[in-house]
């Protein structure tokens, strides 16, 4: 079962990656939006490597210390994701759509802290806490922090999505927020509360597909813009 779950996670990021690359290609080279989707595509690629590594480790019945090298890829993927979200926020800011924070956002920040801090406190319950490599144990202990940062960035993006009053861009941002919150929530439940069970495993499988939905929704914005340009062009060239 675990092997198939890892395969499904690889599949989710494999579906998302082409969409990230298409969105990247639709943006001006080296613009904030171009950098954002380059980094998010890189995060998806690194996540594919990570879960492929997990699948191979499961097939080979590798020992924990060998498996724990996955932490290097996990950290790299989270850093790329955080960088992509920051660049996405910069793109919105340049377009005059900086988030307008409200009091309710402090409640969200408190919730994120309540999810992240207990994971650090109970880090001995994390999967690689018994690794024979000290650096891998240290990297894993940073997981909650490295995951909480993009959630906070995504909170600002969520505020922007609320100001859009709907639309597919807003839907894409909300899928991204859901993806990050589910990952952080699962980390909290599995570590701080030591909750296990099949539903937790499948919740972890579902999380990457939320990222895929975000990329697909964002690409639909580009497709709609292309169709609109085509209609305008055809209308302008229609015989009187």
C-alpha atoms as a PDB file:
ATOM      1  CA  UNK A   1       0.000   0.000   0.000  1.00  0.00           C
ATOM      2  CA  UNK A   2       2.787   2.437   0.947  1.00  0.00           C
ATOM      3  CA  UNK A   3       4.497   1.848  -2.388  1.00  0.00           C
ATOM      4  CA  UNK A   4       1.359   2.721  -4.345  1.00  0.00           C
ATOM      5  CA  UNK A   5       0.846   5.833  -2.252  1.00  0.00           C
ATOM      6  CA  UNK A   6       4.325   7.049  -3.166  1.00  0.00           C
ATOM      7  CA  UNK A   7       3.663   6.286  -6.833  1.00  0.00           C
ATOM      8  CA  UNK A   8       0.463   8.363  -6.681  1.00  0.00           C
ATOM      9  CA  UNK A   9       2.423  11.269  -5.195  1.00  0.00           C
ATOM     10  CA  UNK A  10       4.982  11.050  -7.996  1.00  0.00           C
ATOM     11  CA  UNK A  11       2.105  11.005 -10.489  1.00  0.00           C
ATOM     12  CA  UNK A  12       0.575  14.154  -8.959  1.00  0.00           C
ATOM     13  CA  UNK A  13       3.767  16.163  -9.329  1.00  0.00           C
ATOM     14  CA  UNK A  14       4.404  14.657 -12.779  1.00  0.00           C
ATOM     15  CA  UNK A  15       1.025  16.034 -13.904  1.00  0.00           C
ATOM     16  CA  UNK A  16       1.696  19.427 -12.284  1.00  0.00           C
ATOM     17  CA  UNK A  17       5.199  19.904 -13.707  1.00  0.00           C
ATOM     18  CA  UNK A  18       4.200  20.478 -17.376  1.00  0.00           C
ATOM     19  CA  UNK A  19       1.611  23.038 -16.272  1.00  0.00           C
ATOM     20  CA  UNK A  20       4.259  24.908 -14.258  1.00  0.00           C
ATOM     21  CA  UNK A  21       6.526  24.951 -17.311  1.00  0.00           C
ATOM     22  CA  UNK A  22       3.734  26.162 -19.603  1.00  0.00           C
ATOM     23  CA  UNK A  23       2.834  28.986 -17.214  1.00  0.00           C
ATOM     24  CA  UNK A  24       6.527  29.868 -16.987  1.00  0.00           C
ATOM     25  CA  UNK A  25       6.747  30.008 -20.785  1.00  0.00           C
ATOM     26  CA  UNK A  26       3.770  32.355 -20.925  1.00  0.00           C
ATOM     27  CA  UNK A  27       5.564  34.934 -18.769  1.00  0.00           C
ATOM     28  CA  UNK A  28       8.274  37.415 -19.746  1.00  0.00           C
ATOM     29  CA  UNK A  29      11.717  35.864 -19.186  1.00  0.00           C
ATOM     30  CA  UNK A  30      13.201  36.638 -15.780  1.00  0.00           C
ATOM     31  CA  UNK A  31      10.070  38.470 -14.639  1.00  0.00           C
ATOM     32  CA  UNK A  32       8.762  37.732 -11.111  1.00  0.00           C
ATOM     33  CA  UNK A  33       6.005  35.502 -12.551  1.00  0.00           C
ATOM     34  CA  UNK A  34       8.573  33.643 -14.687  1.00  0.00           C
ATOM     35  CA  UNK A  35      10.810  33.096 -11.661  1.00  0.00           C
ATOM     36  CA  UNK A  36       7.819  32.076  -9.523  1.00  0.00           C
ATOM     37  CA  UNK A  37       6.747  29.236 -11.787  1.00  0.00           C
ATOM     38  CA  UNK A  38      10.331  28.227 -12.522  1.00  0.00           C
ATOM     39  CA  UNK A  39      10.866  27.693  -8.797  1.00  0.00           C
ATOM     40  CA  UNK A  40       7.511  25.992  -8.284  1.00  0.00           C
ATOM     41  CA  UNK A  41       8.257  23.716 -11.224  1.00  0.00           C
ATOM     42  CA  UNK A  42      11.617  22.945  -9.637  1.00  0.00           C
ATOM     43  CA  UNK A  43       9.835  22.168  -6.368  1.00  0.00           C
ATOM     44  CA  UNK A  44       7.529  19.753  -8.195  1.00  0.00           C
ATOM     45  CA  UNK A  45      10.517  18.092  -9.883  1.00  0.00           C
ATOM     46  CA  UNK A  46      12.356  17.712  -6.565  1.00  0.00           C
ATOM     47  CA  UNK A  47       9.204  16.288  -4.999  1.00  0.00           C
ATOM     48  CA  UNK A  48       9.070  13.710  -7.774  1.00  0.00           C
ATOM     49  CA  UNK A  49      12.673  12.769  -6.979  1.00  0.00           C
ATOM     50  CA  UNK A  50      11.882  12.552  -3.256  1.00  0.00           C
ATOM     51  CA  UNK A  51       8.859  10.264  -3.642  1.00  0.00           C
ATOM     52  CA  UNK A  52      10.612   8.143  -6.266  1.00  0.00           C
ATOM     53  CA  UNK A  53      13.424   7.715  -3.729  1.00  0.00           C
ATOM     54  CA  UNK A  54      10.839   6.675  -1.149  1.00  0.00           C
ATOM     55  CA  UNK A  55       9.378   4.092  -3.543  1.00  0.00           C
ATOM     56  CA  UNK A  56      12.786   2.621  -4.367  1.00  0.00           C
ATOM     57  CA  UNK A  57      13.684   2.544  -0.666  1.00  0.00           C
ATOM     58  CA  UNK A  58      10.472   0.674   0.072  1.00  0.00           C
ATOM     59  CA  UNK A  59      11.135  -1.857  -2.678  1.00  0.00           C
ATOM     60  CA  UNK A  60      14.711  -2.336  -1.512  1.00  0.00           C
ATOM     61  CA  UNK A  61      13.747  -2.430   2.181  1.00  0.00           C
ATOM     62  CA  UNK A  62      16.483   0.099   2.939  1.00  0.00           C
ATOM     63  CA  UNK A  63      17.477   0.824   6.515  1.00  0.00           C
ATOM     64  CA  UNK A  64      16.336   4.062   8.153  1.00  0.00           C
ATOM     65  CA  UNK A  65      19.706   5.833   7.991  1.00  0.00           C
ATOM     66  CA  UNK A  66      19.889   5.306   4.215  1.00  0.00           C
ATOM     67  CA  UNK A  67      16.283   6.426   3.768  1.00  0.00           C
ATOM     68  CA  UNK A  68      16.942   9.589   5.784  1.00  0.00           C
ATOM     69  CA  UNK A  69      18.913  11.145   2.908  1.00  0.00           C
ATOM     70  CA  UNK A  70      15.488  12.090   1.562  1.00  0.00           C
ATOM     71  CA  UNK A  71      15.652  15.056   3.941  1.00  0.00           C
ATOM     72  CA  UNK A  72      18.105  16.797   1.596  1.00  0.00           C
ATOM     73  CA  UNK A  73      15.575  16.687  -1.250  1.00  0.00           C
ATOM     74  CA  UNK A  74      12.686  17.611   1.041  1.00  0.00           C
ATOM     75  CA  UNK A  75      14.471  20.752   2.250  1.00  0.00           C
ATOM     76  CA  UNK A  76      15.480  21.720  -1.309  1.00  0.00           C
ATOM     77  CA  UNK A  77      11.888  21.287  -2.497  1.00  0.00           C
ATOM     78  CA  UNK A  78      10.485  23.413   0.337  1.00  0.00           C
ATOM     79  CA  UNK A  79      13.034  26.159  -0.280  1.00  0.00           C
ATOM     80  CA  UNK A  80      12.166  26.206  -3.998  1.00  0.00           C
ATOM     81  CA  UNK A  81       8.444  26.326  -3.162  1.00  0.00           C
ATOM     82  CA  UNK A  82       8.945  29.181  -0.704  1.00  0.00           C
ATOM     83  CA  UNK A  83      11.009  31.110  -3.244  1.00  0.00           C
ATOM     84  CA  UNK A  84       8.321  30.573  -5.879  1.00  0.00           C
ATOM     85  CA  UNK A  85       5.572  31.859  -3.611  1.00  0.00           C
ATOM     86  CA  UNK A  86       7.642  34.915  -2.664  1.00  0.00           C
ATOM     87  CA  UNK A  87       8.194  35.702  -6.349  1.00  0.00           C
ATOM     88  CA  UNK A  88       4.476  35.223  -6.973  1.00  0.00           C
ATOM     89  CA  UNK A  89       3.770  37.726  -4.222  1.00  0.00           C
ATOM     90  CA  UNK A  90       6.251  40.124  -5.815  1.00  0.00           C
ATOM     91  CA  UNK A  91       4.456  39.782  -9.153  1.00  0.00           C
ATOM     92  CA  UNK A  92       1.142  40.710  -7.542  1.00  0.00           C
ATOM     93  CA  UNK A  93       2.742  43.603  -5.687  1.00  0.00           C
ATOM     94  CA  UNK A  94       4.203  44.955  -8.942  1.00  0.00           C
ATOM     95  CA  UNK A  95       0.699  44.739 -10.434  1.00  0.00           C
ATOM     96  CA  UNK A  96      -0.650  46.831  -7.557  1.00  0.00           C
ATOM     97  CA  UNK A  97      -2.341  43.918  -5.780  1.00  0.00           C
ATOM     98  CA  UNK A  98      -0.430  43.764  -2.503  1.00  0.00           C
ATOM     99  CA  UNK A  99      -2.386  42.037   0.294  1.00  0.00           C
ATOM    100  CA  UNK A 100      -4.356  44.153   2.723  1.00  0.00           C
ATOM    101  CA  UNK A 101      -4.008  42.385   6.038  1.00  0.00           C
ATOM    102  CA  UNK A 102      -6.983  42.181   8.379  1.00  0.00           C
ATOM    103  CA  UNK A 103      -7.452  41.207  11.994  1.00  0.00           C
ATOM    104  CA  UNK A 104      -8.617  37.723  11.042  1.00  0.00           C
ATOM    105  CA  UNK A 105      -5.202  37.115   9.492  1.00  0.00           C
ATOM    106  CA  UNK A 106      -3.669  37.234  12.978  1.00  0.00           C
ATOM    107  CA  UNK A 107      -5.916  34.302  13.844  1.00  0.00           C
ATOM    108  CA  UNK A 108      -4.505  32.432  10.849  1.00  0.00           C
ATOM    109  CA  UNK A 109      -0.947  33.235  11.952  1.00  0.00           C
ATOM    110  CA  UNK A 110      -1.734  31.954  15.441  1.00  0.00           C
ATOM    111  CA  UNK A 111      -3.166  28.757  13.946  1.00  0.00           C
ATOM    112  CA  UNK A 112      -0.032  28.228  11.848  1.00  0.00           C
ATOM    113  CA  UNK A 113       2.134  28.693  14.952  1.00  0.00           C
ATOM    114  CA  UNK A 114      -0.038  26.236  16.888  1.00  0.00           C
ATOM    115  CA  UNK A 115       0.521  23.664  14.129  1.00  0.00           C
ATOM    116  CA  UNK A 116       4.249  24.265  13.613  1.00  0.00           C
ATOM    117  CA  UNK A 117       5.646  24.741  17.126  1.00  0.00           C
ATOM    118  CA  UNK A 118       4.421  21.409  18.588  1.00  0.00           C
ATOM    119  CA  UNK A 119       6.094  19.568  15.719  1.00  0.00           C
ATOM    120  CA  UNK A 120       9.454  21.020  16.783  1.00  0.00           C
ATOM    121  CA  UNK A 121       8.762  20.117  20.422  1.00  0.00           C
ATOM    122  CA  UNK A 122       7.894  16.516  19.538  1.00  0.00           C
ATOM    123  CA  UNK A 123      10.496  16.108  16.797  1.00  0.00           C
ATOM    124  CA  UNK A 124      11.652  12.817  18.326  1.00  0.00           C
ATOM    125  CA  UNK A 125       8.444  11.293  16.927  1.00  0.00           C
ATOM    126  CA  UNK A 126       9.355  12.172  13.339  1.00  0.00           C
ATOM    127  CA  UNK A 127      10.286   9.411  10.927  1.00  0.00           C
ATOM    128  CA  UNK A 128      14.005  10.123  10.614  1.00  0.00           C
ATOM    129  CA  UNK A 129      14.640  11.109  14.248  1.00  0.00           C
ATOM    130  CA  UNK A 130      16.532   7.819  14.760  1.00  0.00           C
ATOM    131  CA  UNK A 131      18.745   8.279  11.697  1.00  0.00           C
ATOM    132  CA  UNK A 132      22.428   7.599  12.251  1.00  0.00           C
ATOM    133  CA  UNK A 133      23.268  10.823  10.378  1.00  0.00           C
ATOM    134  CA  UNK A 134      23.048  13.877  12.633  1.00  0.00           C
ATOM    135  CA  UNK A 135      22.615  16.283   9.706  1.00  0.00           C
ATOM    136  CA  UNK A 136      19.516  14.396   8.518  1.00  0.00           C
ATOM    137  CA  UNK A 137      17.995  14.556  12.005  1.00  0.00           C
ATOM    138  CA  UNK A 138      18.677  18.300  12.091  1.00  0.00           C
ATOM    139  CA  UNK A 139      17.150  18.866   8.658  1.00  0.00           C
ATOM    140  CA  UNK A 140      14.027  16.970   9.620  1.00  0.00           C
ATOM    141  CA  UNK A 141      13.637  18.989  12.809  1.00  0.00           C
ATOM    142  CA  UNK A 142      13.414  22.072  10.578  1.00  0.00           C
ATOM    143  CA  UNK A 143      10.558  20.598   8.538  1.00  0.00           C
ATOM    144  CA  UNK A 144       7.789  22.371  10.421  1.00  0.00           C
ATOM    145  CA  UNK A 145       9.568  25.737  10.141  1.00  0.00           C
ATOM    146  CA  UNK A 146      10.376  25.243   6.470  1.00  0.00           C
ATOM    147  CA  UNK A 147       6.750  24.312   5.828  1.00  0.00           C
ATOM    148  CA  UNK A 148       5.264  27.051   8.019  1.00  0.00           C
ATOM    149  CA  UNK A 149       7.060  29.823   6.106  1.00  0.00           C
ATOM    150  CA  UNK A 150       5.389  29.107   2.727  1.00  0.00           C
ATOM    151  CA  UNK A 151       2.059  28.740   4.539  1.00  0.00           C
ATOM    152  CA  UNK A 152       2.482  32.274   5.907  1.00  0.00           C
ATOM    153  CA  UNK A 153       3.412  33.537   2.434  1.00  0.00           C
ATOM    154  CA  UNK A 154       0.390  31.733   1.042  1.00  0.00           C
ATOM    155  CA  UNK A 155      -1.740  33.491   3.642  1.00  0.00           C
ATOM    156  CA  UNK A 156      -0.861  36.783   1.946  1.00  0.00           C
ATOM    157  CA  UNK A 157      -1.722  35.252  -1.412  1.00  0.00           C
ATOM    158  CA  UNK A 158      -5.033  34.120   0.042  1.00  0.00           C
ATOM    159  CA  UNK A 159      -5.769  37.688   1.061  1.00  0.00           C
ATOM    160  CA  UNK A 160      -5.039  38.773  -2.521  1.00  0.00           C
ATOM    161  CA  UNK A 161      -7.395  36.083  -3.805  1.00  0.00           C
ATOM    162  CA  UNK A 162     -10.155  37.464  -1.580  1.00  0.00           C
ATOM    163  CA  UNK A 163      -9.638  40.915  -3.116  1.00  0.00           C
ATOM    164  CA  UNK A 164     -10.077  39.448  -6.599  1.00  0.00           C
ATOM    165  CA  UNK A 165     -13.758  38.776  -5.881  1.00  0.00           C
ATOM    166  CA  UNK A 166     -13.689  35.403  -7.563  1.00  0.00           C
ATOM    167  CA  UNK A 167     -12.192  34.284 -10.844  1.00  0.00           C
ATOM    168  CA  UNK A 168      -9.946  31.352 -11.708  1.00  0.00           C
ATOM    169  CA  UNK A 169      -6.806  33.110 -10.462  1.00  0.00           C
ATOM    170  CA  UNK A 170      -8.421  33.283  -7.035  1.00  0.00           C
ATOM    171  CA  UNK A 171      -9.361  29.601  -7.229  1.00  0.00           C
ATOM    172  CA  UNK A 172      -5.774  28.694  -8.127  1.00  0.00           C
ATOM    173  CA  UNK A 173      -4.446  30.586  -5.105  1.00  0.00           C
ATOM    174  CA  UNK A 174      -6.938  28.906  -2.811  1.00  0.00           C
ATOM    175  CA  UNK A 175      -5.890  25.462  -4.061  1.00  0.00           C
ATOM    176  CA  UNK A 176      -2.298  26.429  -3.239  1.00  0.00           C
ATOM    177  CA  UNK A 177      -3.261  27.517   0.278  1.00  0.00           C
ATOM    178  CA  UNK A 178      -5.174  24.254   0.761  1.00  0.00           C
ATOM    179  CA  UNK A 179      -2.137  22.258  -0.423  1.00  0.00           C
ATOM    180  CA  UNK A 180       0.142  23.901   2.135  1.00  0.00           C
ATOM    181  CA  UNK A 181      -2.308  23.781   5.037  1.00  0.00           C
ATOM    182  CA  UNK A 182      -3.050  20.091   4.475  1.00  0.00           C
ATOM    183  CA  UNK A 183       0.679  19.304   4.476  1.00  0.00           C
ATOM    184  CA  UNK A 184       1.285  21.271   7.675  1.00  0.00           C
ATOM    185  CA  UNK A 185      -1.828  19.835   9.300  1.00  0.00           C
ATOM    186  CA  UNK A 186      -0.794  16.281   8.462  1.00  0.00           C
ATOM    187  CA  UNK A 187       2.679  16.926   9.876  1.00  0.00           C
ATOM    188  CA  UNK A 188       1.111  18.219  13.092  1.00  0.00           C
ATOM    189  CA  UNK A 189      -1.324  15.308  13.439  1.00  0.00           C
ATOM    190  CA  UNK A 190       1.318  12.688  12.778  1.00  0.00           C
ATOM    191  CA  UNK A 191       3.981  14.226  15.025  1.00  0.00           C
ATOM    192  CA  UNK A 192       2.442  16.299  17.811  1.00  0.00           C
ATOM    193  CA  UNK A 193      -0.633  14.075  18.277  1.00  0.00           C
ATOM    194  CA  UNK A 194       0.954  10.815  17.033  1.00  0.00           C
ATOM    195  CA  UNK A 195      -2.181  10.042  15.022  1.00  0.00           C
ATOM    196  CA  UNK A 196      -1.872   7.178  12.560  1.00  0.00           C
ATOM    197  CA  UNK A 197      -4.278   5.329  10.319  1.00  0.00           C
ATOM    198  CA  UNK A 198      -5.176   4.759   6.694  1.00  0.00           C
ATOM    199  CA  UNK A 199      -7.049   8.053   6.440  1.00  0.00           C
ATOM    200  CA  UNK A 200      -3.874   9.921   7.424  1.00  0.00           C
ATOM    201  CA  UNK A 201      -1.897   8.111   4.739  1.00  0.00           C
ATOM    202  CA  UNK A 202      -4.454   8.950   2.075  1.00  0.00           C
ATOM    203  CA  UNK A 203      -4.604  12.541   3.280  1.00  0.00           C
ATOM    204  CA  UNK A 204      -0.871  12.733   2.587  1.00  0.00           C
ATOM    205  CA  UNK A 205      -1.518  11.287  -0.874  1.00  0.00           C
ATOM    206  CA  UNK A 206      -4.225  13.882  -1.551  1.00  0.00           C
ATOM    207  CA  UNK A 207      -2.011  16.873  -0.684  1.00  0.00           C
ATOM    208  CA  UNK A 208       0.166  16.820  -3.863  1.00  0.00           C
ATOM    209  CA  UNK A 209      -2.973  16.689  -6.000  1.00  0.00           C
ATOM    210  CA  UNK A 210      -4.068  20.003  -4.473  1.00  0.00           C
ATOM    211  CA  UNK A 211      -0.830  21.500  -5.833  1.00  0.00           C
ATOM    212  CA  UNK A 212      -1.683  19.973  -9.208  1.00  0.00           C
ATOM    213  CA  UNK A 213      -5.136  21.566  -9.101  1.00  0.00           C
ATOM    214  CA  UNK A 214      -3.537  24.955  -8.359  1.00  0.00           C
ATOM    215  CA  UNK A 215      -1.259  24.655 -11.400  1.00  0.00           C
ATOM    216  CA  UNK A 216      -4.125  23.506 -13.635  1.00  0.00           C
ATOM    217  CA  UNK A 217      -6.354  26.381 -12.531  1.00  0.00           C
ATOM    218  CA  UNK A 218      -3.557  28.891 -13.125  1.00  0.00           C
ATOM    219  CA  UNK A 219      -2.993  27.514 -16.630  1.00  0.00           C
ATOM    220  CA  UNK A 220      -6.712  27.886 -17.350  1.00  0.00           C
ATOM    221  CA  UNK A 221      -6.254  31.639 -16.798  1.00  0.00           C
ATOM    222  CA  UNK A 222      -3.687  31.696 -19.599  1.00  0.00           C
ATOM    223  CA  UNK A 223      -5.910  29.615 -21.892  1.00  0.00           C
ATOM    224  CA  UNK A 224      -8.840  31.979 -21.285  1.00  0.00           C
ATOM    225  CA  UNK A 225      -6.641  34.995 -22.080  1.00  0.00           C
ATOM    226  CA  UNK A 226      -5.473  33.368 -25.325  1.00  0.00           C
ATOM    227  CA  UNK A 227      -9.053  32.659 -26.394  1.00  0.00           C
ATOM    228  CA  UNK A 228     -10.033  36.236 -25.617  1.00  0.00           C
ATOM    229  CA  UNK A 229      -7.149  37.596 -27.710  1.00  0.00           C
ATOM    230  CA  UNK A 230      -8.173  35.328 -30.577  1.00  0.00           C
ATOM    231  CA  UNK A 231     -11.769  36.533 -30.408  1.00  0.00           C
ATOM    232  CA  UNK A 232     -10.649  40.165 -30.366  1.00  0.00           C
ATOM    233  CA  UNK A 233      -8.343  39.551 -33.330  1.00  0.00           C
ATOM    234  CA  UNK A 234     -11.065  37.774 -35.314  1.00  0.00           C
ATOM    235  CA  UNK A 235     -13.568  40.511 -34.464  1.00  0.00           C
ATOM    236  CA  UNK A 236     -11.154  43.245 -35.545  1.00  0.00           C
ATOM    237  CA  UNK A 237     -10.505  41.520 -38.863  1.00  0.00           C
ATOM    238  CA  UNK A 238     -14.103  40.572 -39.599  1.00  0.00           C
ATOM    239  CA  UNK A 239     -15.366  42.091 -42.876  1.00  0.00           C
ATOM    240  CA  UNK A 240     -17.742  44.985 -42.358  1.00  0.00           C
END
